[in-house]
Amino acid sequence: MKSETVVAITDLVFRWPRQSAVCLDLPELRLRRGEHAFLHGPSGCGKSTLLSLIGGVLTPGNGSIELLGQDLGCLRSTQRDRLRADHIGFVFQQFNLVPYLPVIDNVLLPCRFSARRREQAQAGGASLRGEAERLLSHLDLARDLWRRPATDLSVGQQQRVAAARALIGHPELLIADEPTSALDAERQEAFLDLLLHEANAAGSTVLFVSHDRRLAHHFPRDLALPLLNRTAAGGVPCAI
């Protein structure tokens, strides 16, 4: 039976190397399967640091972070890399597309690194390319762009490619780190509607991070990191 908890954080304490001040001190945070949460706070409050901890890129000094029941602090770096590749889709602020690859190949990249994502993308008899094309269509990217290099696309178009790449293979957790910061309000709303519709279809938990509170109405759960983080009262900056 699948666990209903995708992310479980307990008594997390993190400080950067050679820094005496604690950056994050979170007593508890849990994200359930299929939940959509909006995490917000001002620049420097530790949002991106928290995402790196949940993704297993960083490890806490104290406490635990469990992803799908596995304690990330107990895993070797290669095991964390595998868990991340198999179960997490990322939409980055700068999108991080491979500039010389065509759009369709950018979308397929997670399936090159994860057999699990590849198998899930093909569930129901779809081909990998067919699933990538389905996502691009549902995210409203015109077919005549699919063979072009990513650098030929506008910012909004690249954003949709990044979302399709994150969603392919039905990852249990979708992390979006300020992906709408370069868009105007109308395009932000349209992109979020498309992204969350596809995440619902995949059954993915969504952790969407932004400093823009106007986007919060898209999400049933609103998380203010400065209120969750016990170090925030001391005014200690987290980002370095």
Protein backbone atom coordinates (compact mmCIF):
# COMPACT_ATOMS: atom_id res chain seq x y z
CA MET A 1 0.00 0.00 0.00
CA LYS A 2 1.37 3.43 -0.93
CA SER A 3 2.22 5.80 1.90
CA GLU A 4 -0.03 8.84 2.08
CA THR A 5 2.91 10.97 3.26
CA VAL A 6 5.32 12.05 0.53
CA VAL A 7 7.52 14.43 2.57
CA ALA A 8 7.95 14.27 6.34
CA ILE A 9 10.27 16.72 8.12
CA THR A 10 10.89 16.36 11.85
CA ASP A 11 13.06 18.63 14.03
CA LEU A 12 15.13 19.77 11.04
CA VAL A 13 18.14 21.96 11.84
CA PHE A 14 20.46 23.18 9.10
CA ARG A 15 23.41 25.57 9.11
CA TRP A 16 25.82 26.29 6.29
CA PRO A 17 29.41 25.06 6.67
CA ARG A 18 31.60 27.49 8.63
CA GLN A 19 28.51 29.41 9.75
CA SER A 20 27.69 29.45 13.45
CA ALA A 21 24.11 30.69 12.99
CA VAL A 22 21.35 28.19 12.27
CA CYS A 23 19.70 28.81 8.91
CA LEU A 24 16.62 26.58 9.17
CA ASP A 25 14.96 25.22 12.29
CA LEU A 26 11.73 23.46 11.33
CA PRO A 27 9.94 21.41 13.99
CA GLU A 28 7.62 19.67 11.51
CA LEU A 29 6.37 19.78 7.94
CA ARG A 30 4.43 17.08 6.12
CA LEU A 31 3.14 16.92 2.57
CA ARG A 32 0.51 14.36 1.69
CA ARG A 33 0.14 12.45 -1.56
CA GLY A 34 -1.58 14.62 -4.18
CA GLU A 35 -1.45 17.75 -2.02
CA HIS A 36 -0.72 21.15 -3.60
CA ALA A 37 1.12 23.56 -1.29
CA PHE A 38 2.30 27.15 -1.79
CA LEU A 39 5.50 28.01 0.12
CA HIS A 40 6.31 31.69 0.35
CA GLY A 41 8.59 34.14 2.10
CA PRO A 42 10.92 37.03 1.29
CA SER A 43 14.21 36.56 -0.55
CA GLY A 44 16.88 35.09 1.71
CA CYS A 45 14.49 33.36 4.12
CA GLY A 46 15.61 29.86 3.10
CA LYS A 47 13.07 28.72 0.51
CA SER A 48 15.62 27.39 -1.98
CA THR A 49 17.70 25.89 0.84
CA LEU A 50 14.66 23.96 2.04
CA LEU A 51 14.02 22.67 -1.48
CA SER A 52 17.63 21.47 -1.71
CA LEU A 53 17.18 19.62 1.57
CA ILE A 54 13.92 17.99 0.47
CA GLY A 55 15.59 16.99 -2.80
CA GLY A 56 18.55 15.43 -1.00
CA VAL A 57 21.08 17.86 -2.49
CA LEU A 58 21.84 19.09 1.05
CA THR A 59 21.60 17.07 4.27
CA PRO A 60 20.45 18.39 7.65
CA GLY A 61 22.73 18.73 10.64
CA ASN A 62 19.99 17.45 12.95
CA GLY A 63 16.54 15.99 12.56
CA SER A 64 15.17 14.03 9.63
CA ILE A 65 13.72 14.47 6.17
CA GLU A 66 11.84 11.49 4.79
CA LEU A 67 10.89 11.19 1.15
CA LEU A 68 8.33 8.43 0.56
CA GLY A 69 9.33 6.86 3.86
CA GLN A 70 13.09 6.92 3.27
CA ASP A 71 15.24 9.03 5.58
CA LEU A 72 17.48 11.06 3.27
CA GLY A 73 20.08 11.52 5.99
CA CYS A 74 20.64 7.75 6.15
CA LEU A 75 21.33 7.38 2.43
CA ARG A 76 24.60 7.68 0.55
CA SER A 77 24.83 10.49 -1.99
CA THR A 78 24.37 8.07 -4.89
CA GLN A 79 21.22 6.69 -3.25
CA ARG A 80 19.84 10.19 -2.77
CA ASP A 81 20.60 10.94 -6.44
CA ARG A 82 18.65 7.85 -7.50
CA LEU A 83 15.71 8.65 -5.24
CA ARG A 84 15.61 12.19 -6.60
CA ALA A 85 15.77 11.06 -10.24
CA ASP A 86 13.05 8.44 -9.74
CA HIS A 87 10.55 10.39 -7.65
CA ILE A 88 10.99 14.18 -7.99
CA GLY A 89 10.30 16.48 -10.91
CA PHE A 90 11.85 19.96 -10.76
CA VAL A 91 10.81 23.19 -12.45
CA PHE A 92 13.63 25.66 -11.88
CA GLN A 93 13.47 29.45 -11.94
CA GLN A 94 15.90 29.55 -14.87
CA PHE A 95 14.36 26.35 -16.34
CA ASN A 96 17.83 24.71 -16.89
CA LEU A 97 16.97 23.37 -20.33
CA VAL A 98 19.80 21.93 -22.45
CA PRO A 99 20.13 24.70 -25.06
CA TYR A 100 21.35 22.62 -28.01
CA LEU A 101 18.73 19.85 -27.64
CA PRO A 102 15.37 20.00 -29.39
CA VAL A 103 12.35 20.63 -27.20
CA ILE A 104 11.16 17.01 -27.35
CA ASP A 105 14.54 15.68 -26.22
CA ASN A 106 14.63 18.11 -23.31
CA VAL A 107 11.31 16.71 -22.14
CA LEU A 108 12.59 13.12 -22.42
CA LEU A 109 15.76 13.71 -20.35
CA PRO A 110 14.38 12.37 -17.01
CA CYS A 111 13.58 9.08 -18.73
CA ARG A 112 17.21 8.72 -19.78
CA PHE A 113 18.33 8.90 -16.15
CA SER A 114 15.53 6.97 -14.47
CA ALA A 115 14.24 3.57 -15.54
CA ARG A 116 11.31 4.06 -13.19
CA ARG A 117 10.23 7.31 -14.83
CA ARG A 118 10.70 5.68 -18.24
CA GLU A 119 8.46 2.74 -17.31
CA GLN A 120 5.78 4.97 -15.83
CA ALA A 121 5.79 7.23 -18.88
CA GLN A 122 5.07 4.16 -21.01
CA ALA A 123 2.35 2.78 -18.75
CA GLY A 124 -0.83 2.07 -20.67
CA GLY A 125 1.00 1.42 -23.91
CA ALA A 126 2.18 4.93 -24.73
CA SER A 127 5.58 5.43 -26.32
CA LEU A 128 8.06 7.76 -24.60
CA ARG A 129 7.86 10.22 -27.46
CA GLY A 130 4.08 9.97 -27.49
CA GLU A 131 3.90 10.80 -23.78
CA ALA A 132 6.25 13.77 -24.24
CA GLU A 133 4.09 15.01 -27.11
CA ARG A 134 0.92 14.58 -25.02
CA LEU A 135 2.36 16.71 -22.23
CA LEU A 136 3.54 19.42 -24.61
CA SER A 137 0.11 19.50 -26.23
CA HIS A 138 -1.69 19.70 -22.89
CA LEU A 139 0.67 22.47 -21.80
CA ASP A 140 -0.33 24.35 -24.95
CA LEU A 141 3.01 24.37 -26.77
CA ALA A 142 2.56 24.46 -30.55
CA ARG A 143 3.64 21.33 -32.44
CA ASP A 144 5.86 23.28 -34.83
CA LEU A 145 8.14 24.15 -31.88
CA TRP A 146 8.83 20.60 -30.73
CA ARG A 147 11.82 20.03 -33.03
CA ARG A 148 13.44 23.40 -32.39
CA PRO A 149 16.38 23.95 -30.00
CA ALA A 150 15.27 25.24 -26.61
CA THR A 151 17.12 28.52 -27.22
CA ASP A 152 14.71 29.36 -30.08
CA LEU A 153 11.77 29.58 -27.67
CA SER A 154 10.41 32.52 -25.69
CA VAL A 155 10.61 32.55 -21.89
CA GLY A 156 6.99 31.43 -21.58
CA GLN A 157 7.50 28.60 -24.07
CA GLN A 158 10.65 27.42 -22.29
CA GLN A 159 8.68 27.41 -19.06
CA ARG A 160 6.18 24.95 -20.53
CA VAL A 161 8.95 22.69 -21.78
CA ALA A 162 10.45 22.70 -18.27
CA ALA A 163 7.06 21.76 -16.82
CA ALA A 164 6.61 18.89 -19.28
CA ARG A 165 10.10 17.62 -18.41
CA ALA A 166 9.28 17.73 -14.69
CA LEU A 167 5.96 15.92 -15.15
CA ILE A 168 7.03 13.09 -17.45
CA GLY A 169 7.00 9.70 -15.76
CA HIS A 170 4.48 10.75 -13.08
CA PRO A 171 6.88 11.73 -10.25
CA GLU A 172 5.36 11.59 -6.79
CA LEU A 173 6.69 15.05 -5.93
CA LEU A 174 6.81 18.12 -8.18
CA ILE A 175 8.98 20.99 -6.90
CA ALA A 176 8.65 24.37 -8.60
CA ASP A 177 11.12 27.06 -7.50
CA GLU A 178 9.95 30.56 -8.56
CA PRO A 179 9.13 29.38 -12.11
CA THR A 180 6.80 32.29 -12.91
CA SER A 181 9.01 35.18 -11.82
CA ALA A 182 9.79 36.26 -15.41
CA LEU A 183 6.15 36.27 -16.57
CA ASP A 184 3.43 38.90 -16.43
CA ALA A 185 0.34 38.27 -14.31
CA GLU A 186 -1.84 36.90 -17.14
CA ARG A 187 0.78 34.40 -18.27
CA GLN A 188 1.44 33.38 -14.65
CA GLU A 189 -2.21 32.48 -14.17
CA ALA A 190 -2.43 30.53 -17.43
CA PHE A 191 0.76 28.59 -16.71
CA LEU A 192 -0.32 27.67 -13.17
CA ASP A 193 -3.69 26.42 -14.37
CA LEU A 194 -1.97 24.14 -16.91
CA LEU A 195 0.71 22.94 -14.49
CA LEU A 196 -1.67 22.07 -11.68
CA HIS A 197 -4.10 20.37 -14.06
CA GLU A 198 -1.33 18.05 -15.25
CA ALA A 199 -0.08 17.47 -11.70
CA ASN A 200 -3.60 16.45 -10.68
CA ALA A 201 -3.78 14.04 -13.59
CA ALA A 202 -0.48 12.47 -12.53
CA GLY A 203 -1.42 12.39 -8.84
CA SER A 204 1.72 14.38 -7.99
CA THR A 205 2.24 16.30 -4.77
CA VAL A 206 3.17 19.89 -5.63
CA LEU A 207 5.42 22.19 -3.61
CA PHE A 208 5.35 25.54 -5.37
CA VAL A 209 7.71 28.20 -4.08
CA SER A 210 7.38 31.92 -4.69
CA HIS A 211 7.66 35.29 -2.99
CA ASP A 212 4.56 36.44 -4.90
CA ARG A 213 1.55 36.01 -2.61
CA ARG A 214 -0.87 36.79 -5.48
CA LEU A 215 -0.43 33.21 -6.68
CA ALA A 216 -1.52 31.62 -3.41
CA HIS A 217 -5.19 31.30 -4.39
CA HIS A 218 -4.28 28.44 -6.73
CA PHE A 219 -3.26 26.27 -3.78
CA PRO A 220 -5.34 24.69 -1.01
CA ARG A 221 -2.42 24.93 1.45
CA ASP A 222 -0.51 28.12 2.23
CA LEU A 223 2.88 27.79 3.98
CA ALA A 224 4.73 30.88 5.22
CA LEU A 225 8.33 29.82 5.76
CA PRO A 226 9.13 32.67 8.18
CA LEU A 227 6.37 31.34 10.45
CA LEU A 228 7.52 27.72 10.16
CA ASN A 229 11.22 28.51 10.68
CA ARG A 230 12.05 29.08 14.34
CA THR A 231 15.23 30.99 13.43
CA ALA A 232 13.27 33.65 11.54
CA ALA A 233 12.50 35.52 14.75
CA GLY A 234 16.22 36.16 15.12
CA GLY A 235 16.48 37.66 11.67
CA VAL A 236 19.23 35.27 10.54
CA PRO A 237 19.54 35.28 6.72
CA CYS A 238 19.54 31.82 5.17
CA ALA A 239 20.69 32.30 1.60
CA ILE A 240 24.39 32.60 0.84
